[in-house]
Structure formats: C-alpha cells, structure tokens
Amino acid sequence: MGIFGFFSKDKKESLDQGLQKSSENIFSKLSKAVVGKSKVDDEVLDELEEILITSDVGVDTTIKVIRRIEERVARDKYVNTAELDVILKEEIENLLKENNTQDLLDFDLPEGKKPYVIMVVGVNGVGKTTTIGKLANLFKTAGKSVVLGAADTFRAAAVDQLILWGDRVGVPVISHGMNTDPASVAFDAVKQGVDTNADVVIIDTAGRLHTKVNLMNELGKIKRVMQKFIPDAPHEILLVLDGSTGQNAFIQAKEFTKVTEITSLAITKLDGTAKGGVVIGISDQFKIPVKYIGVGEKMTDLQIFNRKEFVDSLFTKKK
C-alpha cells in the first residue's frame, strides 16, 4: 500500500461535504430539466449542456460530454431520465481517464529519485503556500522526511506563512527572508535535502512577476541551480489553482503552461464554491493530471485526487 493508503470512509465523507455546493447546484437544475419527462431527448440534453457550462466544466469539454451522451441515446434507442445521472458519471469518468488523470488509490514516490523535488507555482491568493504546508503534512504523516524552500521571496507574507507551516507540521524550512534571490533559496533547500537524505523537497516560488518573460527567467534560473545537485530536478512542477474562481482558473492554467512545463495540478477551495466542474474542464483541456484537490480547511482536507470518487461525489444526488 502506498503512503496515502486506500480511499477511506472519512476521506469520502470529507469529499462529499466539500463538493456539496457543486453537487446541489447541478442536481437542483437537473431535476427541473427532467421534470415531466420520461426519456432523454434534445430538450433535456440542451438543458444538461447549460447546467455543465454554468458549473464551469467549460464549453469545449461540455460539448464532448453531450456528444458522448447523444451517441449512447442513439445507440440504446431509449434512455429514461432516471438513468441520466448514471450515464453522465460514466462518460465523465471515461473522459478523465483519457486525460492522464488516474485513479490513484495510493501514492508512492518514484524509486531512484531521492530527494523527490517538487516545484510549486501559481498566482498569489490561490492557496499555494497552504497547499505546500498540507502536502508536507501528508508526506510527514506517511513517515517521509520533508524539506521546504521559501523561494517566493517577493512577498514577506509568503515567506512568513511557509515558516509557520514548517513549525506547525514539524519540518525544516530554508528561508533567506524577503527580497533575496529565490534561486539561492532553492539551491540551499535542495542541498539540505541531499545532505540530510530527505525524501521530499518542496519549493515555493513567486506567484507573479511583472511579465511572463520575468517569470519564465526566474523559474528557469531556479531549475538550473537545483540541477547542480540533482540533474533531473525538479521531478514535478505542480500548478496550484483556485477552483472557486471558475473560468479564471482556466486562464491561469493557460498562462502558466506558456512559461513552464506543468506536470501536475492541485485545485483548491472546492468546498466554498458551486464551481466544482472546473476540475473536469481543466483536466480535459490541458491534458495535465489533477493530483490533489482541496475540499476544506483541515490539514487532511487536501486529498489525493481519485477520479472515480470525485465523479461519484459530484454527480450522485444526496438523500
């Protein structure tokens, strides 16, 4: 069993609760769309299309989902409205499966990559530093040793916040303070990771520099200095997005994929919004695996993303 263990009952309850607003939003509209109808027809599908778009699944992804359901309706000749939520779940699950988003019931660090270096990017305010703190806690709880690097040196709050998280979780934080060279922080964090034989090094980076060129140059410099110790570092570039911003999260993902190679996504703040569909749309449009989702304030409310459980929580009508 991997470090995160199997998807527990507690995690599923937390996920259900975190996605409650999104789920209720979908089903209140879906109930109105099918009232008085026995079978799925063009009118029902038009209503479903609008529901998915207003849940921030995104236009292109919604069209794919609707097309798949239309094909099923045509193939099966008769699909009653009671089956619609089941078909919807199946087709969205299949879509996520095709988009490199795997059902990760557990999670192990790759062999031969120690320390495993994660560089975290994202605009200010998306929950980037909090996500790093919670991720450090997950690794530590699983018995892994962690080093954090406070390389978002353009904001005093970011440095101070990461130090607080380090104290709270009980892991070392490498910090040079505000307005210092981010690359030197990353260098020292990776060096400490190597020297202490740590399992994981997580580097926080600047949320936004003045231009894309500045941001690209800064991230490139951070990568180069880390590679002096570990030639293939960073092993993962994690983009943190705020799910509650809906379509704005798409824009952020688009901008960051232009300036650096993003290999995984964390989508936060899903508990405070009815825009949970954004997870599906971003995964589909960018073909980048969603690895973590934030469904609450507790330390354990950063969950490793499980496609099947997510779709079940979002598209199952609560009693």
Protein backbone atom coordinates (compact mmCIF):
# COMPACT_ATOMS: atom_id res chain seq x y z
CA MET A 1 0.00 0.00 0.00
CA GLY A 2 1.30 3.47 -0.87
CA ILE A 3 1.88 6.32 1.50
CA PHE A 4 -1.62 7.75 1.33
CA GLY A 5 -3.39 4.44 1.89
CA PHE A 6 -6.70 3.43 0.41
CA PHE A 7 -9.57 5.88 -0.06
CA SER A 8 -11.10 5.78 3.41
CA LYS A 9 -14.66 6.36 4.53
CA ASP A 10 -13.56 9.58 6.30
CA LYS A 11 -11.97 10.90 3.11
CA LYS A 12 -15.10 10.09 1.11
CA GLU A 13 -17.31 11.89 3.63
CA SER A 14 -14.97 14.89 3.52
CA LEU A 15 -15.08 14.84 -0.28
CA ASP A 16 -18.89 14.60 -0.32
CA GLN A 17 -19.11 17.53 2.08
CA GLY A 18 -16.54 19.59 0.18
CA LEU A 19 -18.36 19.15 -3.13
CA GLN A 20 -21.84 19.58 -1.65
CA LYS A 21 -22.47 23.07 -3.08
CA SER A 22 -21.39 21.99 -6.55
CA SER A 23 -23.44 18.79 -6.39
CA GLU A 24 -26.59 20.53 -5.12
CA ASN A 25 -26.25 23.18 -7.83
CA ILE A 26 -26.09 20.51 -10.55
CA PHE A 27 -28.96 18.39 -9.23
CA SER A 28 -31.34 21.24 -8.45
CA LYS A 29 -31.05 22.29 -12.10
CA LEU A 30 -31.08 18.74 -13.44
CA SER A 31 -34.28 17.94 -11.53
CA LYS A 32 -36.01 20.90 -13.18
CA ALA A 33 -34.70 19.85 -16.61
CA VAL A 34 -36.21 16.37 -16.44
CA VAL A 35 -39.45 17.14 -14.63
CA GLY A 36 -42.40 15.65 -16.51
CA LYS A 37 -40.11 13.86 -18.97
CA SER A 38 -39.64 10.10 -19.20
CA LYS A 39 -36.85 9.92 -21.76
CA VAL A 40 -33.69 11.83 -22.60
CA ASP A 41 -34.46 13.98 -25.64
CA ASP A 42 -32.87 17.02 -27.34
CA GLU A 43 -34.52 19.40 -24.90
CA VAL A 44 -33.09 17.53 -21.88
CA LEU A 45 -29.64 17.47 -23.47
CA ASP A 46 -29.81 21.21 -24.17
CA GLU A 47 -30.65 21.78 -20.51
CA LEU A 48 -27.82 19.48 -19.42
CA GLU A 49 -25.39 21.36 -21.65
CA GLU A 50 -26.33 24.63 -19.96
CA ILE A 51 -26.02 23.03 -16.49
CA LEU A 52 -22.49 21.78 -17.18
CA ILE A 53 -21.35 25.09 -18.66
CA THR A 54 -22.72 27.06 -15.70
CA SER A 55 -20.94 24.60 -13.37
CA ASP A 56 -17.67 25.71 -15.04
CA VAL A 57 -16.97 22.46 -16.84
CA GLY A 58 -16.16 24.67 -19.83
CA VAL A 59 -17.75 24.87 -23.28
CA ASP A 60 -15.38 22.54 -25.17
CA THR A 61 -15.47 19.81 -22.52
CA THR A 62 -19.26 20.12 -22.14
CA ILE A 63 -19.70 19.62 -25.89
CA LYS A 64 -17.61 16.42 -25.68
CA VAL A 65 -19.74 15.09 -22.80
CA ILE A 66 -23.03 15.92 -24.53
CA ARG A 67 -21.84 14.29 -27.78
CA ARG A 68 -21.00 11.09 -25.89
CA ILE A 69 -24.41 11.01 -24.23
CA GLU A 70 -26.12 11.66 -27.58
CA GLU A 71 -24.28 8.66 -29.04
CA ARG A 72 -25.45 6.48 -26.15
CA VAL A 73 -29.04 7.64 -26.52
CA ALA A 74 -28.91 6.93 -30.28
CA ARG A 75 -27.31 3.51 -29.74
CA ASP A 76 -29.63 2.41 -26.93
CA LYS A 77 -32.73 3.86 -28.71
CA TYR A 78 -34.40 4.64 -25.40
CA VAL A 79 -32.75 6.13 -22.33
CA ASN A 80 -35.02 7.21 -19.50
CA THR A 81 -34.30 10.30 -17.46
CA ALA A 82 -33.76 8.25 -14.30
CA GLU A 83 -30.61 6.82 -15.92
CA LEU A 84 -29.21 10.21 -16.92
CA ASP A 85 -27.07 10.80 -13.82
CA VAL A 86 -25.56 7.28 -14.13
CA ILE A 87 -24.67 7.83 -17.80
CA LEU A 88 -23.32 11.29 -17.01
CA LYS A 89 -21.00 9.84 -14.34
CA GLU A 90 -19.77 7.08 -16.64
CA GLU A 91 -18.98 9.40 -19.54
CA ILE A 92 -17.18 12.00 -17.41
CA GLU A 93 -15.18 9.26 -15.66
CA ASN A 94 -14.14 7.91 -19.07
CA LEU A 95 -13.17 11.41 -20.20
CA LEU A 96 -10.96 11.92 -17.14
CA LYS A 97 -9.37 8.53 -17.70
CA GLU A 98 -8.39 9.58 -21.22
CA ASN A 99 -6.86 12.81 -19.93
CA ASN A 100 -3.98 11.26 -17.95
CA THR A 101 -5.93 11.57 -14.69
CA GLN A 102 -5.51 8.22 -13.00
CA ASP A 103 -7.41 6.60 -10.16
CA LEU A 104 -4.72 6.90 -7.50
CA LEU A 105 -5.87 4.86 -4.56
CA ASP A 106 -2.40 5.17 -3.15
CA PHE A 107 0.74 7.13 -3.96
CA ASP A 108 4.38 6.18 -3.74
CA LEU A 109 7.41 8.31 -4.51
CA PRO A 110 9.24 7.08 -7.63
CA GLU A 111 12.19 4.84 -6.89
CA GLY A 112 15.63 6.26 -7.52
CA LYS A 113 14.52 9.88 -7.07
CA LYS A 114 15.62 10.91 -3.60
CA PRO A 115 15.03 13.55 -2.68
CA TYR A 116 11.96 13.90 -4.88
CA VAL A 117 11.86 17.59 -5.80
CA ILE A 118 8.53 19.37 -6.31
CA MET A 119 8.49 22.96 -7.57
CA VAL A 120 5.16 24.65 -6.82
CA VAL A 121 3.82 27.51 -8.97
CA GLY A 122 0.61 29.55 -9.01
CA VAL A 123 -0.63 33.12 -8.70
CA ASN A 124 -0.94 34.81 -5.32
CA GLY A 125 -4.12 34.04 -3.41
CA VAL A 126 -4.86 30.57 -4.82
CA GLY A 127 -3.78 28.79 -1.63
CA LYS A 128 -0.31 27.86 -2.89
CA THR A 129 1.58 28.14 0.41
CA THR A 130 -1.24 26.47 2.36
CA THR A 131 -1.25 23.63 -0.17
CA ILE A 132 2.51 23.18 0.33
CA GLY A 133 2.03 23.05 4.11
CA LYS A 134 -0.74 20.48 3.86
CA LEU A 135 1.24 18.43 1.35
CA ALA A 136 4.25 18.45 3.70
CA ASN A 137 1.96 17.22 6.46
CA LEU A 138 0.68 14.35 4.26
CA PHE A 139 4.21 13.24 3.47
CA LYS A 140 5.37 13.55 7.08
CA THR A 141 2.33 11.65 8.39
CA ALA A 142 3.30 8.89 5.97
CA GLY A 143 6.77 8.71 7.55
CA LYS A 144 8.61 10.70 4.88
CA SER A 145 11.20 13.37 5.66
CA VAL A 146 10.49 16.75 4.06
CA VAL A 147 12.42 19.98 3.44
CA LEU A 148 10.59 23.16 2.38
CA GLY A 149 12.16 26.05 0.46
CA ALA A 150 10.65 29.56 0.83
CA ALA A 151 11.61 30.84 -2.64
CA ASP A 152 8.60 33.19 -3.01
CA THR A 153 10.81 35.99 -1.71
CA PHE A 154 8.84 38.84 -3.26
CA ARG A 155 6.15 38.68 -0.57
CA ALA A 156 7.04 38.78 3.12
CA ALA A 157 3.71 37.11 3.89
CA ALA A 158 4.60 34.10 1.74
CA VAL A 159 7.93 33.55 3.49
CA ASP A 160 6.45 34.02 6.97
CA GLN A 161 3.48 31.80 6.16
CA LEU A 162 5.69 28.95 4.97
CA ILE A 163 7.83 29.21 8.11
CA LEU A 164 4.65 28.97 10.22
CA TRP A 165 3.57 25.89 8.27
CA GLY A 166 7.01 24.35 8.79
CA ASP A 167 6.70 24.89 12.56
CA ARG A 168 3.15 23.55 12.58
CA VAL A 169 4.00 20.41 10.62
CA GLY A 170 7.43 19.96 12.17
CA VAL A 171 9.60 20.12 9.04
CA PRO A 172 12.62 22.37 8.27
CA VAL A 173 12.11 25.47 6.11
CA ILE A 174 15.03 27.01 4.22
CA SER A 175 14.49 30.77 4.10
CA HIS A 176 16.68 33.78 3.32
CA GLY A 177 13.90 36.27 4.04
CA MET A 178 12.18 38.71 1.71
CA ASN A 179 13.76 40.32 -1.38
CA THR A 180 16.53 37.73 -1.58
CA ASP A 181 17.47 35.59 -4.57
CA PRO A 182 14.83 32.84 -4.99
CA ALA A 183 17.29 30.60 -6.82
CA SER A 184 19.73 30.68 -3.89
CA VAL A 185 16.91 29.56 -1.57
CA ALA A 186 16.09 26.68 -3.92
CA PHE A 187 19.80 25.79 -4.12
CA ASP A 188 20.14 25.63 -0.33
CA ALA A 189 16.87 23.70 0.09
CA VAL A 190 17.91 21.02 -2.40
CA LYS A 191 21.40 20.91 -0.89
CA GLN A 192 19.91 20.31 2.56
CA GLY A 193 17.63 17.65 1.08
CA VAL A 194 20.63 15.85 -0.39
CA ASP A 195 22.83 16.31 2.72
CA THR A 196 20.15 15.00 5.11
CA ASN A 197 18.93 12.24 2.75
CA ALA A 198 15.41 13.73 2.81
CA ASP A 199 12.64 12.01 0.88
CA VAL A 200 10.97 15.15 -0.49
CA VAL A 201 11.96 18.78 -1.15
CA ILE A 202 9.10 21.20 -1.91
CA ILE A 203 9.99 24.62 -3.30
CA ASP A 204 7.53 27.54 -3.13
CA THR A 205 8.00 30.05 -5.96
CA ALA A 206 6.84 33.57 -6.78
CA GLY A 207 3.16 33.92 -7.59
CA ARG A 208 3.55 36.53 -10.26
CA LEU A 209 6.43 38.60 -11.61
CA HIS A 210 5.87 41.70 -13.71
CA THR A 211 5.94 39.96 -17.08
CA LYS A 212 5.81 36.44 -18.49
CA VAL A 213 9.46 36.84 -19.51
CA ASN A 214 10.48 37.67 -15.92
CA LEU A 215 8.52 34.70 -14.60
CA MET A 216 9.98 32.35 -17.20
CA ASN A 217 13.52 33.55 -16.46
CA GLU A 218 13.05 33.23 -12.70
CA LEU A 219 11.63 29.69 -12.90
CA GLY A 220 14.36 28.72 -15.37
CA LYS A 221 17.07 30.00 -13.02
CA ILE A 222 15.56 28.08 -10.07
CA LYS A 223 15.57 24.89 -12.15
CA ARG A 224 19.18 25.36 -13.22
CA VAL A 225 20.54 25.81 -9.70
CA MET A 226 18.63 22.76 -8.43
CA GLN A 227 20.12 20.71 -11.26
CA LYS A 228 23.62 21.34 -9.91
CA PHE A 229 22.73 18.84 -7.18
CA ILE A 230 20.08 16.72 -8.93
CA PRO A 231 20.39 16.73 -12.74
CA ASP A 232 16.73 15.84 -13.40
CA ALA A 233 15.24 18.22 -10.80
CA PRO A 234 12.53 19.30 -10.42
CA HIS A 235 10.83 15.93 -10.77
CA GLU A 236 7.39 17.54 -10.61
CA ILE A 237 6.10 21.04 -11.35
CA LEU A 238 2.81 21.43 -9.50
CA LEU A 239 0.45 24.25 -10.52
CA VAL A 240 -1.99 25.31 -7.79
CA LEU A 241 -5.32 26.74 -9.00
CA ASP A 242 -8.24 28.20 -7.04
CA GLY A 243 -11.32 26.20 -8.03
CA SER A 244 -13.67 28.88 -6.71
CA THR A 245 -12.58 31.27 -9.49
CA GLY A 246 -14.12 29.02 -12.16
CA GLN A 247 -13.14 30.14 -15.65
CA ASN A 248 -10.35 32.33 -14.27
CA ALA A 249 -8.58 29.12 -13.24
CA PHE A 250 -8.56 28.11 -16.93
CA ILE A 251 -6.85 31.41 -17.79
CA GLN A 252 -4.23 30.90 -15.07
CA ALA A 253 -3.52 27.37 -16.29
CA LYS A 254 -3.15 28.65 -19.84
CA GLU A 255 -0.71 31.38 -18.79
CA PHE A 256 1.47 29.10 -16.66
CA THR A 257 1.65 26.36 -19.30
CA LYS A 258 3.11 29.01 -21.63
CA VAL A 259 6.01 29.85 -19.30
CA THR A 260 6.95 26.46 -17.86
CA GLU A 261 6.17 22.78 -18.25
CA ILE A 262 3.43 21.87 -15.75
CA THR A 263 3.32 18.18 -14.85
CA SER A 264 0.54 18.09 -12.23
CA LEU A 265 -2.31 20.19 -10.81
CA ALA A 266 -3.71 20.93 -7.37
CA ILE A 267 -7.17 22.55 -7.38
CA THR A 268 -8.06 24.22 -4.09
CA LYS A 269 -11.06 25.81 -2.34
CA LEU A 270 -13.66 23.49 -3.89
CA ASP A 271 -15.62 23.44 -0.63
CA GLY A 272 -16.62 27.09 -0.85
CA THR A 273 -17.98 27.07 -4.37
CA ALA A 274 -20.55 25.58 -6.74
CA LYS A 275 -17.90 25.53 -9.50
CA GLY A 276 -16.55 22.01 -8.89
CA GLY A 277 -16.95 21.22 -12.59
CA VAL A 278 -13.80 23.25 -13.23
CA VAL A 279 -11.73 20.19 -12.24
CA ILE A 280 -13.17 18.23 -15.19
CA GLY A 281 -12.71 21.03 -17.70
CA ILE A 282 -9.12 21.86 -16.76
CA SER A 283 -8.09 18.21 -16.80
CA ASP A 284 -9.66 17.76 -20.23
CA GLN A 285 -8.41 20.96 -21.85
CA PHE A 286 -4.79 20.84 -20.65
CA LYS A 287 -4.24 17.05 -20.51
CA ILE A 288 -2.37 17.56 -17.22
CA PRO A 289 -3.25 15.15 -14.39
CA VAL A 290 -5.09 16.58 -11.41
CA LYS A 291 -3.14 15.19 -8.46
CA TYR A 292 -4.61 16.98 -5.42
CA ILE A 293 -7.86 18.73 -4.56
CA GLY A 294 -8.62 20.95 -1.57
CA VAL A 295 -12.05 20.30 -0.05
CA GLY A 296 -11.81 22.05 3.32
CA GLU A 297 -9.73 23.87 5.91
CA LYS A 298 -8.40 20.89 7.88
CA MET A 299 -4.87 19.56 7.37
CA THR A 300 -6.32 16.35 5.94
CA ASP A 301 -8.65 18.18 3.54
CA LEU A 302 -6.01 18.26 0.83
CA GLN A 303 -6.80 14.95 -0.83
CA ILE A 304 -5.02 12.97 -3.46
CA PHE A 305 -7.36 13.12 -6.44
CA ASN A 306 -9.31 9.99 -7.23
CA ARG A 307 -11.28 10.22 -10.47
CA LYS A 308 -13.93 7.68 -9.56
CA GLU A 309 -14.62 9.05 -6.08
CA PHE A 310 -14.66 12.65 -7.31
CA VAL A 311 -17.20 11.95 -10.06
CA ASP A 312 -19.30 9.92 -7.64
CA SER A 313 -19.37 12.77 -5.09
CA LEU A 314 -20.13 15.43 -7.69
CA PHE A 315 -22.82 13.57 -9.66
CA THR A 316 -24.61 11.50 -7.03
CA LYS A 317 -27.79 13.05 -5.70
CA LYS A 318 -27.60 13.37 -1.94
CA LYS A 319 -30.55 11.97 0.00
